[in-house]
């Protein structure tokens, strides 16, 4: 039975309510999430400054022992430099920089002498381009006071957080959506279980739910196997005829553009799940934010139904 996908006369009003719901949350909680991340990032910047004697000694040995500080150092320059710009300006091996930033390690295939030579170039470039307005002690050669260091660390932290502001908000949104579903389920006597305790998702106990559960599917006639990550899997107390849990994908968005760009992703997932587990598999969307009629119409045409976070009791209509 369809819950929302066959009721286009309700979509316009639901879109408006969902946008209001998202905006209200953003104004009240997104700044808090950003501030908390900024506070932790400031601490990390202060630690990086301490390791480099407040940028006065960016040595190859320090970078070797603490490769994780490289993204921070890139934000201390004027202007801040992107990863690829650092590689080009310093004329160093791309593999070295990407290992340091993405894997927090020194490239295992590079010789020690080469690594030290390359890291010397990195330190030299950072010192040359350092933002003197933020780090005035580099210009007049004085030992900075604690307040100066904290002020500089805060500015660099703002630069770092500005580059990841959207992921910060998305993570906070995901946590809120998962918490909302958990509260709703537990009020109805469902029990949370860890995914590691579930050997086969079809064997979940009735009345239980799990976060971030991998569902295996076969592609290309069974030649390739992948896992589809499911945000929430819920086994109803009264199991469906196919014995499958209800699979929920949490979706939130702060603008209409990105939702329509990514709307095919869910359609691909439902097609893969149906190909492996039958046409009656229940895979639904849990929506909050900017999902317009174009998005909803596309998903409905693919046979995807949804529940709105602002009307969470619709989850009951899916058999929960």
C-alpha atoms as a PDB file:
ATOM      1  CA  UNK A   1       0.000   0.000   0.000  1.00  0.00           C
ATOM      2  CA  UNK A   2       1.319   3.428  -0.933  1.00  0.00           C
ATOM      3  CA  UNK A   3       1.641   6.037   1.788  1.00  0.00           C
ATOM      4  CA  UNK A   4       2.749   9.283   0.155  1.00  0.00           C
ATOM      5  CA  UNK A   5       3.964   8.576  -3.377  1.00  0.00           C
ATOM      6  CA  UNK A   6       0.406   8.271  -4.780  1.00  0.00           C
ATOM      7  CA  UNK A   7      -0.885  11.507  -3.192  1.00  0.00           C
ATOM      8  CA  UNK A   8       0.496  14.364  -5.327  1.00  0.00           C
ATOM      9  CA  UNK A   9      -2.292  16.647  -4.096  1.00  0.00           C
ATOM     10  CA  UNK A  10      -0.487  16.685  -0.718  1.00  0.00           C
ATOM     11  CA  UNK A  11       3.041  17.227  -2.009  1.00  0.00           C
ATOM     12  CA  UNK A  12       3.031  21.020  -2.270  1.00  0.00           C
ATOM     13  CA  UNK A  13       1.880  21.507   1.313  1.00  0.00           C
ATOM     14  CA  UNK A  14       4.300  18.856   2.567  1.00  0.00           C
ATOM     15  CA  UNK A  15       7.217  20.480   0.742  1.00  0.00           C
ATOM     16  CA  UNK A  16       6.431  23.812   2.397  1.00  0.00           C
ATOM     17  CA  UNK A  17       6.176  22.234   5.841  1.00  0.00           C
ATOM     18  CA  UNK A  18       9.384  20.276   5.310  1.00  0.00           C
ATOM     19  CA  UNK A  19      11.297  23.404   4.267  1.00  0.00           C
ATOM     20  CA  UNK A  20      10.015  25.220   7.366  1.00  0.00           C
ATOM     21  CA  UNK A  21      11.004  22.250   9.535  1.00  0.00           C
ATOM     22  CA  UNK A  22      14.542  22.226   8.130  1.00  0.00           C
ATOM     23  CA  UNK A  23      15.002  25.989   8.370  1.00  0.00           C
ATOM     24  CA  UNK A  24      13.770  26.061  11.950  1.00  0.00           C
ATOM     25  CA  UNK A  25      16.243  23.318  12.913  1.00  0.00           C
ATOM     26  CA  UNK A  26      19.082  25.035  11.042  1.00  0.00           C
ATOM     27  CA  UNK A  27      18.577  28.367  12.808  1.00  0.00           C
ATOM     28  CA  UNK A  28      18.454  26.717  16.238  1.00  0.00           C
ATOM     29  CA  UNK A  29      20.993  23.906  15.999  1.00  0.00           C
ATOM     30  CA  UNK A  30      23.309  24.259  12.992  1.00  0.00           C
ATOM     31  CA  UNK A  31      25.268  27.147  14.554  1.00  0.00           C
ATOM     32  CA  UNK A  32      25.728  25.027  17.696  1.00  0.00           C
ATOM     33  CA  UNK A  33      27.081  22.115  15.638  1.00  0.00           C
ATOM     34  CA  UNK A  34      29.416  24.490  13.834  1.00  0.00           C
ATOM     35  CA  UNK A  35      30.621  26.077  17.084  1.00  0.00           C
ATOM     36  CA  UNK A  36      31.363  22.694  18.651  1.00  0.00           C
ATOM     37  CA  UNK A  37      33.359  21.611  15.608  1.00  0.00           C
ATOM     38  CA  UNK A  38      35.140  24.975  15.535  1.00  0.00           C
ATOM     39  CA  UNK A  39      36.126  24.583  19.185  1.00  0.00           C
ATOM     40  CA  UNK A  40      37.656  21.155  18.571  1.00  0.00           C
ATOM     41  CA  UNK A  41      39.346  22.371  15.387  1.00  0.00           C
ATOM     42  CA  UNK A  42      40.866  25.317  17.281  1.00  0.00           C
ATOM     43  CA  UNK A  43      42.362  22.857  19.734  1.00  0.00           C
ATOM     44  CA  UNK A  44      43.876  20.878  16.858  1.00  0.00           C
ATOM     45  CA  UNK A  45      45.338  24.052  15.321  1.00  0.00           C
ATOM     46  CA  UNK A  46      46.885  25.043  18.662  1.00  0.00           C
ATOM     47  CA  UNK A  47      48.466  21.606  18.873  1.00  0.00           C
ATOM     48  CA  UNK A  48      49.882  21.972  15.329  1.00  0.00           C
ATOM     49  CA  UNK A  49      51.304  25.378  16.248  1.00  0.00           C
ATOM     50  CA  UNK A  50      52.898  23.898  19.335  1.00  0.00           C
ATOM     51  CA  UNK A  51      54.501  21.112  17.287  1.00  0.00           C
ATOM     52  CA  UNK A  52      56.012  23.649  14.864  1.00  0.00           C
ATOM     53  CA  UNK A  53      57.088  26.184  17.500  1.00  0.00           C
ATOM     54  CA  UNK A  54      54.299  28.468  16.274  1.00  0.00           C
ATOM     55  CA  UNK A  55      55.366  28.026  12.614  1.00  0.00           C
ATOM     56  CA  UNK A  56      58.923  29.078  13.387  1.00  0.00           C
ATOM     57  CA  UNK A  57      60.245  25.544  12.895  1.00  0.00           C
ATOM     58  CA  UNK A  58      58.311  23.424  10.384  1.00  0.00           C
ATOM     59  CA  UNK A  59      60.859  20.664  10.249  1.00  0.00           C
ATOM     60  CA  UNK A  60      60.817  17.508   8.107  1.00  0.00           C
ATOM     61  CA  UNK A  61      61.033  15.425  11.279  1.00  0.00           C
ATOM     62  CA  UNK A  62      57.880  17.061  12.690  1.00  0.00           C
ATOM     63  CA  UNK A  63      55.977  16.517   9.450  1.00  0.00           C
ATOM     64  CA  UNK A  64      57.168  12.905   9.365  1.00  0.00           C
ATOM     65  CA  UNK A  65      55.952  12.257  12.907  1.00  0.00           C
ATOM     66  CA  UNK A  66      52.729  14.273  12.505  1.00  0.00           C
ATOM     67  CA  UNK A  67      51.588  14.155   8.859  1.00  0.00           C
ATOM     68  CA  UNK A  68      48.037  14.977   9.990  1.00  0.00           C
ATOM     69  CA  UNK A  69      48.963  18.647  10.519  1.00  0.00           C
ATOM     70  CA  UNK A  70      49.530  19.323   6.806  1.00  0.00           C
ATOM     71  CA  UNK A  71      45.898  20.399   6.063  1.00  0.00           C
ATOM     72  CA  UNK A  72      46.167  22.835   8.977  1.00  0.00           C
ATOM     73  CA  UNK A  73      49.426  24.288   7.675  1.00  0.00           C
ATOM     74  CA  UNK A  74      47.843  24.917   4.275  1.00  0.00           C
ATOM     75  CA  UNK A  75      45.307  27.179   6.003  1.00  0.00           C
ATOM     76  CA  UNK A  76      48.019  29.297   7.675  1.00  0.00           C
ATOM     77  CA  UNK A  77      49.113  30.947   4.428  1.00  0.00           C
ATOM     78  CA  UNK A  78      47.953  34.083   2.615  1.00  0.00           C
ATOM     79  CA  UNK A  79      45.933  33.108   0.729  1.00  0.00           C
ATOM     80  CA  UNK A  80      45.144  29.614   2.036  1.00  0.00           C
ATOM     81  CA  UNK A  81      46.285  27.059  -0.523  1.00  0.00           C
ATOM     82  CA  UNK A  82      44.501  23.974  -1.809  1.00  0.00           C
ATOM     83  CA  UNK A  83      46.152  20.572  -1.750  1.00  0.00           C
ATOM     84  CA  UNK A  84      46.947  20.522  -5.472  1.00  0.00           C
ATOM     85  CA  UNK A  85      48.248  24.095  -5.336  1.00  0.00           C
ATOM     86  CA  UNK A  86      50.665  23.056  -2.581  1.00  0.00           C
ATOM     87  CA  UNK A  87      51.892  20.190  -4.756  1.00  0.00           C
ATOM     88  CA  UNK A  88      52.462  22.534  -7.678  1.00  0.00           C
ATOM     89  CA  UNK A  89      54.047  25.433  -5.808  1.00  0.00           C
ATOM     90  CA  UNK A  90      56.411  23.265  -3.795  1.00  0.00           C
ATOM     91  CA  UNK A  91      57.125  20.969  -6.783  1.00  0.00           C
ATOM     92  CA  UNK A  92      56.728  17.847  -4.679  1.00  0.00           C
ATOM     93  CA  UNK A  93      55.351  14.357  -5.248  1.00  0.00           C
ATOM     94  CA  UNK A  94      51.518  14.291  -5.269  1.00  0.00           C
ATOM     95  CA  UNK A  95      51.555  10.848  -3.648  1.00  0.00           C
ATOM     96  CA  UNK A  96      53.394  12.196  -0.606  1.00  0.00           C
ATOM     97  CA  UNK A  97      50.878  14.973   0.029  1.00  0.00           C
ATOM     98  CA  UNK A  98      47.829  12.771  -0.550  1.00  0.00           C
ATOM     99  CA  UNK A  99      49.143  10.083   1.788  1.00  0.00           C
ATOM    100  CA  UNK A 100      49.745  12.685   4.479  1.00  0.00           C
ATOM    101  CA  UNK A 101      46.326  14.305   4.131  1.00  0.00           C
ATOM    102  CA  UNK A 102      44.081  11.359   3.361  1.00  0.00           C
ATOM    103  CA  UNK A 103      45.818   8.546   5.257  1.00  0.00           C
ATOM    104  CA  UNK A 104      47.804  10.513   7.863  1.00  0.00           C
ATOM    105  CA  UNK A 105      51.010   8.730   6.936  1.00  0.00           C
ATOM    106  CA  UNK A 106      54.210   9.144   4.930  1.00  0.00           C
ATOM    107  CA  UNK A 107      54.225   7.357   1.564  1.00  0.00           C
ATOM    108  CA  UNK A 108      55.542   3.850   2.302  1.00  0.00           C
ATOM    109  CA  UNK A 109      57.212   3.534  -1.107  1.00  0.00           C
ATOM    110  CA  UNK A 110      59.381   6.648  -0.838  1.00  0.00           C
ATOM    111  CA  UNK A 111      62.943   6.528   0.445  1.00  0.00           C
ATOM    112  CA  UNK A 112      63.787   8.393   3.641  1.00  0.00           C
ATOM    113  CA  UNK A 113      66.188  10.809   1.960  1.00  0.00           C
ATOM    114  CA  UNK A 114      63.631  11.729  -0.696  1.00  0.00           C
ATOM    115  CA  UNK A 115      60.906  12.216   1.915  1.00  0.00           C
ATOM    116  CA  UNK A 116      63.067  14.553   3.992  1.00  0.00           C
ATOM    117  CA  UNK A 117      63.989  16.575   0.905  1.00  0.00           C
ATOM    118  CA  UNK A 118      60.363  16.905  -0.142  1.00  0.00           C
ATOM    119  CA  UNK A 119      59.187  17.838   3.341  1.00  0.00           C
ATOM    120  CA  UNK A 120      61.857  20.506   3.565  1.00  0.00           C
ATOM    121  CA  UNK A 121      60.246  22.074   0.494  1.00  0.00           C
ATOM    122  CA  UNK A 122      56.848  21.956   2.193  1.00  0.00           C
ATOM    123  CA  UNK A 123      58.094  23.683   5.319  1.00  0.00           C
ATOM    124  CA  UNK A 124      59.949  26.299   3.306  1.00  0.00           C
ATOM    125  CA  UNK A 125      56.850  27.122   1.245  1.00  0.00           C
ATOM    126  CA  UNK A 126      54.584  27.385   4.299  1.00  0.00           C
ATOM    127  CA  UNK A 127      57.023  29.739   6.027  1.00  0.00           C
ATOM    128  CA  UNK A 128      57.353  31.853   2.882  1.00  0.00           C
ATOM    129  CA  UNK A 129      53.585  32.219   2.401  1.00  0.00           C
ATOM    130  CA  UNK A 130      52.573  32.427   6.084  1.00  0.00           C
ATOM    131  CA  UNK A 131      49.902  35.044   6.749  1.00  0.00           C
ATOM    132  CA  UNK A 132      51.733  37.761   8.696  1.00  0.00           C
ATOM    133  CA  UNK A 133      48.461  39.385   9.743  1.00  0.00           C
ATOM    134  CA  UNK A 134      47.583  36.226  11.651  1.00  0.00           C
ATOM    135  CA  UNK A 135      51.104  35.358  12.775  1.00  0.00           C
ATOM    136  CA  UNK A 136      52.779  38.770  13.389  1.00  0.00           C
ATOM    137  CA  UNK A 137      55.516  37.204  15.501  1.00  0.00           C
ATOM    138  CA  UNK A 138      57.017  35.669  12.350  1.00  0.00           C
ATOM    139  CA  UNK A 139      57.662  39.167  11.004  1.00  0.00           C
ATOM    140  CA  UNK A 140      59.018  40.889  14.117  1.00  0.00           C
ATOM    141  CA  UNK A 141      60.611  37.727  15.575  1.00  0.00           C
ATOM    142  CA  UNK A 142      59.025  37.937  19.031  1.00  0.00           C
ATOM    143  CA  UNK A 143      57.832  35.017  21.124  1.00  0.00           C
ATOM    144  CA  UNK A 144      54.013  35.072  20.905  1.00  0.00           C
ATOM    145  CA  UNK A 145      51.835  35.283  23.993  1.00  0.00           C
ATOM    146  CA  UNK A 146      49.182  32.687  24.696  1.00  0.00           C
ATOM    147  CA  UNK A 147      46.392  35.078  23.683  1.00  0.00           C
ATOM    148  CA  UNK A 148      48.076  35.715  20.311  1.00  0.00           C
ATOM    149  CA  UNK A 149      48.415  32.001  19.646  1.00  0.00           C
ATOM    150  CA  UNK A 150      44.773  31.335  20.530  1.00  0.00           C
ATOM    151  CA  UNK A 151      43.622  34.206  18.319  1.00  0.00           C
ATOM    152  CA  UNK A 152      45.628  32.886  15.387  1.00  0.00           C
ATOM    153  CA  UNK A 153      44.383  29.336  15.972  1.00  0.00           C
ATOM    154  CA  UNK A 154      40.788  30.577  15.952  1.00  0.00           C
ATOM    155  CA  UNK A 155      41.250  32.281  12.574  1.00  0.00           C
ATOM    156  CA  UNK A 156      42.815  29.154  11.046  1.00  0.00           C
ATOM    157  CA  UNK A 157      40.049  27.015  12.565  1.00  0.00           C
ATOM    158  CA  UNK A 158      37.463  29.259  10.911  1.00  0.00           C
ATOM    159  CA  UNK A 159      39.175  28.683   7.578  1.00  0.00           C
ATOM    160  CA  UNK A 160      39.175  24.931   8.100  1.00  0.00           C
ATOM    161  CA  UNK A 161      35.559  24.810   9.247  1.00  0.00           C
ATOM    162  CA  UNK A 162      34.481  27.042   6.374  1.00  0.00           C
ATOM    163  CA  UNK A 163      35.781  24.427   3.972  1.00  0.00           C
ATOM    164  CA  UNK A 164      33.736  21.686   5.654  1.00  0.00           C
ATOM    165  CA  UNK A 165      30.668  23.613   6.816  1.00  0.00           C
ATOM    166  CA  UNK A 166      28.261  21.578   4.689  1.00  0.00           C
ATOM    167  CA  UNK A 167      29.529  18.206   5.966  1.00  0.00           C
ATOM    168  CA  UNK A 168      29.261  19.508   9.539  1.00  0.00           C
ATOM    169  CA  UNK A 169      25.603  20.379   8.994  1.00  0.00           C
ATOM    170  CA  UNK A 170      24.892  17.122   7.138  1.00  0.00           C
ATOM    171  CA  UNK A 171      26.376  15.081   9.962  1.00  0.00           C
ATOM    172  CA  UNK A 172      24.301  16.939  12.546  1.00  0.00           C
ATOM    173  CA  UNK A 173      21.201  16.417  10.402  1.00  0.00           C
ATOM    174  CA  UNK A 174      21.846  12.689  10.087  1.00  0.00           C
ATOM    175  CA  UNK A 175      22.292  12.309  13.824  1.00  0.00           C
ATOM    176  CA  UNK A 176      19.044  14.161  14.454  1.00  0.00           C
ATOM    177  CA  UNK A 177      17.102  12.053  11.954  1.00  0.00           C
ATOM    178  CA  UNK A 178      18.433   8.801  13.396  1.00  0.00           C
ATOM    179  CA  UNK A 179      17.599  10.003  16.905  1.00  0.00           C
ATOM    180  CA  UNK A 180      14.063  10.929  15.807  1.00  0.00           C
ATOM    181  CA  UNK A 181      13.461   7.485  14.330  1.00  0.00           C
ATOM    182  CA  UNK A 182      14.945   5.785  17.389  1.00  0.00           C
ATOM    183  CA  UNK A 183      12.719   7.751  19.760  1.00  0.00           C
ATOM    184  CA  UNK A 184       9.648   6.951  17.658  1.00  0.00           C
ATOM    185  CA  UNK A 185      10.474   3.234  17.527  1.00  0.00           C
ATOM    186  CA  UNK A 186      11.364   2.890  21.190  1.00  0.00           C
ATOM    187  CA  UNK A 187       8.090   4.542  22.162  1.00  0.00           C
ATOM    188  CA  UNK A 188       6.506   1.573  20.370  1.00  0.00           C
ATOM    189  CA  UNK A 189       8.660  -0.970  22.220  1.00  0.00           C
ATOM    190  CA  UNK A 190      11.183  -1.640  19.464  1.00  0.00           C
ATOM    191  CA  UNK A 191      14.700  -2.495  20.633  1.00  0.00           C
ATOM    192  CA  UNK A 192      17.946  -1.206  19.155  1.00  0.00           C
ATOM    193  CA  UNK A 193      20.581  -3.794  18.215  1.00  0.00           C
ATOM    194  CA  UNK A 194      24.093  -3.296  16.896  1.00  0.00           C
ATOM    195  CA  UNK A 195      24.667  -4.276  13.270  1.00  0.00           C
ATOM    196  CA  UNK A 196      27.645  -6.419  14.271  1.00  0.00           C
ATOM    197  CA  UNK A 197      25.223  -8.744  16.073  1.00  0.00           C
ATOM    198  CA  UNK A 198      23.251  -9.377  12.854  1.00  0.00           C
ATOM    199  CA  UNK A 199      24.741 -12.121  10.695  1.00  0.00           C
ATOM    200  CA  UNK A 200      22.020 -11.980   8.035  1.00  0.00           C
ATOM    201  CA  UNK A 201      19.669  -9.021   7.750  1.00  0.00           C
ATOM    202  CA  UNK A 202      16.707 -11.256   6.921  1.00  0.00           C
ATOM    203  CA  UNK A 203      17.163 -12.991  10.260  1.00  0.00           C
ATOM    204  CA  UNK A 204      16.676  -9.896  12.404  1.00  0.00           C
ATOM    205  CA  UNK A 205      14.422 -10.544  15.368  1.00  0.00           C
ATOM    206  CA  UNK A 206      10.930  -9.119  15.232  1.00  0.00           C
ATOM    207  CA  UNK A 207      10.646  -5.785  17.042  1.00  0.00           C
ATOM    208  CA  UNK A 208      14.287  -4.772  16.575  1.00  0.00           C
ATOM    209  CA  UNK A 209      16.089  -2.109  14.552  1.00  0.00           C
ATOM    210  CA  UNK A 210      19.698  -1.349  13.613  1.00  0.00           C
ATOM    211  CA  UNK A 211      21.627   1.589  12.189  1.00  0.00           C
ATOM    212  CA  UNK A 212      24.057   1.477   9.260  1.00  0.00           C
ATOM    213  CA  UNK A 213      23.410  -2.107   8.243  1.00  0.00           C
ATOM    214  CA  UNK A 214      25.021  -3.469   5.077  1.00  0.00           C
ATOM    215  CA  UNK A 215      22.714  -5.383   2.740  1.00  0.00           C
ATOM    216  CA  UNK A 216      24.562  -7.553   0.178  1.00  0.00           C
ATOM    217  CA  UNK A 217      23.457  -7.508  -3.465  1.00  0.00           C
ATOM    218  CA  UNK A 218      24.780  -9.196  -6.601  1.00  0.00           C
ATOM    219  CA  UNK A 219      25.334  -7.237  -9.795  1.00  0.00           C
ATOM    220  CA  UNK A 220      25.910  -8.201 -13.416  1.00  0.00           C
ATOM    221  CA  UNK A 221      24.404 -11.652 -13.246  1.00  0.00           C
ATOM    222  CA  UNK A 222      26.028 -12.483  -9.933  1.00  0.00           C
ATOM    223  CA  UNK A 223      29.595 -11.807 -11.051  1.00  0.00           C
ATOM    224  CA  UNK A 224      30.002  -8.810  -8.754  1.00  0.00           C
ATOM    225  CA  UNK A 225      28.833  -8.443  -5.155  1.00  0.00           C
ATOM    226  CA  UNK A 226      28.554  -5.206  -3.208  1.00  0.00           C
ATOM    227  CA  UNK A 227      27.041  -4.008   0.064  1.00  0.00           C
ATOM    228  CA  UNK A 228      24.321  -1.382   0.097  1.00  0.00           C
ATOM    229  CA  UNK A 229      24.529   0.663   3.319  1.00  0.00           C
ATOM    230  CA  UNK A 230      21.126   1.081   4.943  1.00  0.00           C
ATOM    231  CA  UNK A 231      20.623   3.901   7.443  1.00  0.00           C
ATOM    232  CA  UNK A 232      17.950   2.108   9.471  1.00  0.00           C
ATOM    233  CA  UNK A 233      16.698  -1.470   9.164  1.00  0.00           C
ATOM    234  CA  UNK A 234      13.567  -2.314  11.158  1.00  0.00           C
ATOM    235  CA  UNK A 235      12.017  -5.755  11.535  1.00  0.00           C
ATOM    236  CA  UNK A 236       8.317  -5.232  12.312  1.00  0.00           C
ATOM    237  CA  UNK A 237       6.848  -7.111  15.227  1.00  0.00           C
ATOM    238  CA  UNK A 238       4.511  -8.671  12.669  1.00  0.00           C
ATOM    239  CA  UNK A 239       6.863  -9.732   9.916  1.00  0.00           C
ATOM    240  CA  UNK A 240       5.964  -9.142   6.292  1.00  0.00           C
ATOM    241  CA  UNK A 241       5.209 -12.115   4.050  1.00  0.00           C
ATOM    242  CA  UNK A 242       8.632 -11.831   2.441  1.00  0.00           C
ATOM    243  CA  UNK A 243      10.297 -11.925   5.874  1.00  0.00           C
ATOM    244  CA  UNK A 244      12.323  -8.788   5.138  1.00  0.00           C
ATOM    245  CA  UNK A 245      12.889  -5.814   7.425  1.00  0.00           C
ATOM    246  CA  UNK A 246      11.805  -2.345   6.375  1.00  0.00           C
ATOM    247  CA  UNK A 247      14.794  -0.417   5.043  1.00  0.00           C
ATOM    248  CA  UNK A 248      14.936   3.334   5.633  1.00  0.00           C
ATOM    249  CA  UNK A 249      17.169   5.871   3.884  1.00  0.00           C
ATOM    250  CA  UNK A 250      17.487   9.176   5.774  1.00  0.00           C
ATOM    251  CA  UNK A 251      17.623  12.197   3.457  1.00  0.00           C
ATOM    252  CA  UNK A 252      17.932  15.871   4.385  1.00  0.00           C
ATOM    253  CA  UNK A 253      18.736  18.837   2.186  1.00  0.00           C
ATOM    254  CA  UNK A 254      19.209  22.580   2.583  1.00  0.00           C
ATOM    255  CA  UNK A 255      18.451  23.494  -1.030  1.00  0.00           C
ATOM    256  CA  UNK A 256      16.496  22.142  -3.996  1.00  0.00           C
ATOM    257  CA  UNK A 257      19.413  21.907  -6.440  1.00  0.00           C
ATOM    258  CA  UNK A 258      21.408  19.098  -4.865  1.00  0.00           C
ATOM    259  CA  UNK A 259      18.392  16.879  -4.224  1.00  0.00           C
ATOM    260  CA  UNK A 260      17.487  16.803  -7.900  1.00  0.00           C
ATOM    261  CA  UNK A 261      21.102  16.160  -8.866  1.00  0.00           C
ATOM    262  CA  UNK A 262      21.253  13.104  -6.625  1.00  0.00           C
ATOM    263  CA  UNK A 263      17.759  11.704  -7.002  1.00  0.00           C
ATOM    264  CA  UNK A 264      18.936   8.810  -9.184  1.00  0.00           C
ATOM    265  CA  UNK A 265      20.968   7.323  -6.326  1.00  0.00           C
ATOM    266  CA  UNK A 266      17.903   6.062  -4.457  1.00  0.00           C
ATOM    267  CA  UNK A 267      16.351   4.744  -7.679  1.00  0.00           C
ATOM    268  CA  UNK A 268      19.486   2.686  -8.333  1.00  0.00           C
ATOM    269  CA  UNK A 269      19.387   1.285  -4.790  1.00  0.00           C
ATOM    270  CA  UNK A 270      15.760   0.203  -4.986  1.00  0.00           C
ATOM    271  CA  UNK A 271      16.358  -1.423  -8.374  1.00  0.00           C
ATOM    272  CA  UNK A 272      19.309  -3.417  -7.009  1.00  0.00           C
ATOM    273  CA  UNK A 273      17.389  -4.459  -3.895  1.00  0.00           C
ATOM    274  CA  UNK A 274      14.380  -5.607  -5.908  1.00  0.00           C
ATOM    275  CA  UNK A 275      16.567  -7.544  -8.321  1.00  0.00           C
ATOM    276  CA  UNK A 276      18.026  -9.469  -5.377  1.00  0.00           C
ATOM    277  CA  UNK A 277      15.165  -9.725  -2.893  1.00  0.00           C
ATOM    278  CA  UNK A 278      11.966  -9.397  -4.902  1.00  0.00           C
ATOM    279  CA  UNK A 279       9.629  -6.621  -5.955  1.00  0.00           C
ATOM    280  CA  UNK A 280       8.002  -6.430  -2.522  1.00  0.00           C
ATOM    281  CA  UNK A 281      11.124  -5.262  -0.683  1.00  0.00           C
ATOM    282  CA  UNK A 282      10.194  -2.213   1.405  1.00  0.00           C
ATOM    283  CA  UNK A 283      12.799   0.522   0.933  1.00  0.00           C
ATOM    284  CA  UNK A 284      11.537   3.970   1.917  1.00  0.00           C
ATOM    285  CA  UNK A 285      12.908   7.482   2.248  1.00  0.00           C
ATOM    286  CA  UNK A 286      12.774   9.566   5.414  1.00  0.00           C
ATOM    287  CA  UNK A 287      12.747  13.139   4.164  1.00  0.00           C
ATOM    288  CA  UNK A 288      13.473  16.505   5.721  1.00  0.00           C
ATOM    289  CA  UNK A 289      14.126  19.765   3.924  1.00  0.00           C
ATOM    290  CA  UNK A 290      14.145  20.877   0.333  1.00  0.00           C
ATOM    291  CA  UNK A 291      12.565  18.069  -1.698  1.00  0.00           C
ATOM    292  CA  UNK A 292      10.333  19.566  -4.375  1.00  0.00           C
ATOM    293  CA  UNK A 293       7.605  18.039  -6.536  1.00  0.00           C
ATOM    294  CA  UNK A 294      10.116  17.274  -9.288  1.00  0.00           C
ATOM    295  CA  UNK A 295      12.141  15.131  -6.911  1.00  0.00           C
ATOM    296  CA  UNK A 296       9.062  13.475  -5.432  1.00  0.00           C
ATOM    297  CA  UNK A 297       7.600  12.746  -8.858  1.00  0.00           C
ATOM    298  CA  UNK A 298      10.828  11.132 -10.015  1.00  0.00           C
ATOM    299  CA  UNK A 299      11.049   8.888  -6.954  1.00  0.00           C
ATOM    300  CA  UNK A 300       7.360   7.990  -7.156  1.00  0.00           C
ATOM    301  CA  UNK A 301       7.813   6.968 -10.796  1.00  0.00           C
ATOM    302  CA  UNK A 302      10.567   4.611  -9.633  1.00  0.00           C
ATOM    303  CA  UNK A 303       8.189   3.084  -7.084  1.00  0.00           C
ATOM    304  CA  UNK A 304       9.848   4.727  -4.082  1.00  0.00           C
ATOM    305  CA  UNK A 305       7.667   5.831  -1.192  1.00  0.00           C
ATOM    306  CA  UNK A 306       8.585   8.096   1.712  1.00  0.00           C
ATOM    307  CA  UNK A 307       7.724   9.415   5.159  1.00  0.00           C
ATOM    308  CA  UNK A 308       8.277  13.054   6.122  1.00  0.00           C
ATOM    309  CA  UNK A 309      10.118  13.873   9.303  1.00  0.00           C
ATOM    310  CA  UNK A 310       7.564  16.567  10.100  1.00  0.00           C
ATOM    311  CA  UNK A 311       4.919  13.810   9.964  1.00  0.00           C
ATOM    312  CA  UNK A 312       6.903  10.926  11.392  1.00  0.00           C
ATOM    313  CA  UNK A 313       3.807   8.932  12.390  1.00  0.00           C
ATOM    314  CA  UNK A 314       3.489   7.975   8.728  1.00  0.00           C
ATOM    315  CA  UNK A 315       6.102   5.309   9.531  1.00  0.00           C
ATOM    316  CA  UNK A 316       3.276   3.329  11.149  1.00  0.00           C
ATOM    317  CA  UNK A 317       1.551   3.095   7.764  1.00  0.00           C
ATOM    318  CA  UNK A 318       4.462   1.031   6.459  1.00  0.00           C
ATOM    319  CA  UNK A 319       3.736  -1.676   9.014  1.00  0.00           C
ATOM    320  CA  UNK A 320       5.806  -0.484  11.958  1.00  0.00           C
END
